[in-house]
């Protein structure tokens, strides 16, 4: 029921925005309204996901390099002390 109420509220706000906003501002206002609405669901934007994806790729590359370095060091013959 909570979700239905949220979607009903979204519908009302969209209708209000369409009635009160000039055509050129409609897209900007709708985007802001939708971002605020979906923020309640703690959803991430595409941009946020892309940033996190790049950070993860960099971390994975660093991890692979460190693993290779460790394997290289472990493969070296041990020097007597």
C-alpha atoms as a PDB file:
ATOM      1  CA  UNK A   1       0.000   0.000   0.000  1.00  0.00           C
ATOM      2  CA  UNK A   2       2.872   2.386   0.731  1.00  0.00           C
ATOM      3  CA  UNK A   3       4.202   2.001  -2.794  1.00  0.00           C
ATOM      4  CA  UNK A   4       0.764   2.676  -4.300  1.00  0.00           C
ATOM      5  CA  UNK A   5       0.509   5.846  -2.236  1.00  0.00           C
ATOM      6  CA  UNK A   6       3.948   6.961  -3.426  1.00  0.00           C
ATOM      7  CA  UNK A   7       3.049   6.350  -7.055  1.00  0.00           C
ATOM      8  CA  UNK A   8      -0.271   8.145  -6.613  1.00  0.00           C
ATOM      9  CA  UNK A   9       1.628  11.097  -5.139  1.00  0.00           C
ATOM     10  CA  UNK A  10       4.067  10.994  -8.050  1.00  0.00           C
ATOM     11  CA  UNK A  11       1.169  11.048 -10.507  1.00  0.00           C
ATOM     12  CA  UNK A  12      -0.373  14.039  -8.777  1.00  0.00           C
ATOM     13  CA  UNK A  13       2.925  15.935  -8.751  1.00  0.00           C
ATOM     14  CA  UNK A  14       3.569  15.179 -12.427  1.00  0.00           C
ATOM     15  CA  UNK A  15       0.113  16.427 -13.342  1.00  0.00           C
ATOM     16  CA  UNK A  16       0.662  19.570 -11.281  1.00  0.00           C
ATOM     17  CA  UNK A  17       4.073  20.180 -12.880  1.00  0.00           C
ATOM     18  CA  UNK A  18       2.601  19.758 -16.365  1.00  0.00           C
ATOM     19  CA  UNK A  19      -0.149  22.266 -15.595  1.00  0.00           C
ATOM     20  CA  UNK A  20       2.020  24.903 -13.968  1.00  0.00           C
ATOM     21  CA  UNK A  21       5.293  24.826 -15.954  1.00  0.00           C
ATOM     22  CA  UNK A  22       5.994  26.412 -19.326  1.00  0.00           C
ATOM     23  CA  UNK A  23       6.960  23.913 -22.022  1.00  0.00           C
ATOM     24  CA  UNK A  24      10.694  24.733 -21.969  1.00  0.00           C
ATOM     25  CA  UNK A  25      10.903  24.224 -18.193  1.00  0.00           C
ATOM     26  CA  UNK A  26       8.783  21.087 -18.134  1.00  0.00           C
ATOM     27  CA  UNK A  27      11.651  18.633 -18.764  1.00  0.00           C
ATOM     28  CA  UNK A  28      13.881  20.275 -16.137  1.00  0.00           C
ATOM     29  CA  UNK A  29      11.080  20.322 -13.571  1.00  0.00           C
ATOM     30  CA  UNK A  30      10.054  16.732 -14.268  1.00  0.00           C
ATOM     31  CA  UNK A  31      13.642  15.540 -13.977  1.00  0.00           C
ATOM     32  CA  UNK A  32      14.048  17.270 -10.612  1.00  0.00           C
ATOM     33  CA  UNK A  33      10.729  15.879  -9.441  1.00  0.00           C
ATOM     34  CA  UNK A  34      11.605  12.338 -10.495  1.00  0.00           C
ATOM     35  CA  UNK A  35      15.064  12.535  -8.904  1.00  0.00           C
ATOM     36  CA  UNK A  36      13.510  13.664  -5.622  1.00  0.00           C
ATOM     37  CA  UNK A  37      10.867  10.923  -5.847  1.00  0.00           C
ATOM     38  CA  UNK A  38      13.309   8.127  -6.608  1.00  0.00           C
ATOM     39  CA  UNK A  39      15.664   9.392  -3.904  1.00  0.00           C
ATOM     40  CA  UNK A  40      13.139   7.998  -1.435  1.00  0.00           C
ATOM     41  CA  UNK A  41      13.921   4.551  -2.795  1.00  0.00           C
ATOM     42  CA  UNK A  42      17.670   5.160  -2.441  1.00  0.00           C
ATOM     43  CA  UNK A  43      18.289   4.455  -6.122  1.00  0.00           C
ATOM     44  CA  UNK A  44      21.570   5.404  -7.763  1.00  0.00           C
ATOM     45  CA  UNK A  45      21.819   7.454 -10.932  1.00  0.00           C
ATOM     46  CA  UNK A  46      23.532   6.141 -14.048  1.00  0.00           C
ATOM     47  CA  UNK A  47      26.359   8.619 -13.453  1.00  0.00           C
ATOM     48  CA  UNK A  48      26.893   7.303  -9.913  1.00  0.00           C
ATOM     49  CA  UNK A  49      26.996   3.742 -11.212  1.00  0.00           C
ATOM     50  CA  UNK A  50      29.512   4.657 -13.911  1.00  0.00           C
ATOM     51  CA  UNK A  51      31.797   6.310 -11.339  1.00  0.00           C
ATOM     52  CA  UNK A  52      31.603   3.250  -9.096  1.00  0.00           C
ATOM     53  CA  UNK A  53      32.269   0.985 -12.076  1.00  0.00           C
ATOM     54  CA  UNK A  54      35.441   2.908 -12.972  1.00  0.00           C
ATOM     55  CA  UNK A  55      36.631   2.839  -9.346  1.00  0.00           C
ATOM     56  CA  UNK A  56      36.042  -0.906  -9.172  1.00  0.00           C
ATOM     57  CA  UNK A  57      37.906  -1.475 -12.441  1.00  0.00           C
ATOM     58  CA  UNK A  58      40.901   0.500 -11.125  1.00  0.00           C
ATOM     59  CA  UNK A  59      40.867  -1.423  -7.845  1.00  0.00           C
ATOM     60  CA  UNK A  60      40.711  -4.739  -9.715  1.00  0.00           C
ATOM     61  CA  UNK A  61      43.638  -3.719 -11.923  1.00  0.00           C
ATOM     62  CA  UNK A  62      45.717  -2.737  -8.877  1.00  0.00           C
ATOM     63  CA  UNK A  63      44.826  -6.006  -7.162  1.00  0.00           C
ATOM     64  CA  UNK A  64      45.860  -8.021 -10.223  1.00  0.00           C
ATOM     65  CA  UNK A  65      49.180  -6.148 -10.374  1.00  0.00           C
ATOM     66  CA  UNK A  66      49.827  -6.774  -6.677  1.00  0.00           C
ATOM     67  CA  UNK A  67      48.961 -10.457  -7.014  1.00  0.00           C
ATOM     68  CA  UNK A  68      51.360 -10.762  -9.949  1.00  0.00           C
ATOM     69  CA  UNK A  69      54.103  -9.020  -7.963  1.00  0.00           C
ATOM     70  CA  UNK A  70      53.582 -11.319  -4.983  1.00  0.00           C
ATOM     71  CA  UNK A  71      53.710 -14.375  -7.229  1.00  0.00           C
ATOM     72  CA  UNK A  72      56.937 -13.059  -8.769  1.00  0.00           C
ATOM     73  CA  UNK A  73      58.518 -12.484  -5.356  1.00  0.00           C
ATOM     74  CA  UNK A  74      57.433 -15.873  -4.086  1.00  0.00           C
ATOM     75  CA  UNK A  75      58.921 -17.586  -7.167  1.00  0.00           C
ATOM     76  CA  UNK A  76      62.386 -16.109  -6.588  1.00  0.00           C
ATOM     77  CA  UNK A  77      64.921 -18.437  -5.042  1.00  0.00           C
ATOM     78  CA  UNK A  78      65.461 -17.794  -1.376  1.00  0.00           C
ATOM     79  CA  UNK A  79      68.788 -16.260  -0.391  1.00  0.00           C
ATOM     80  CA  UNK A  80      70.581 -17.809   2.512  1.00  0.00           C
ATOM     81  CA  UNK A  81      70.650 -15.566   5.552  1.00  0.00           C
END
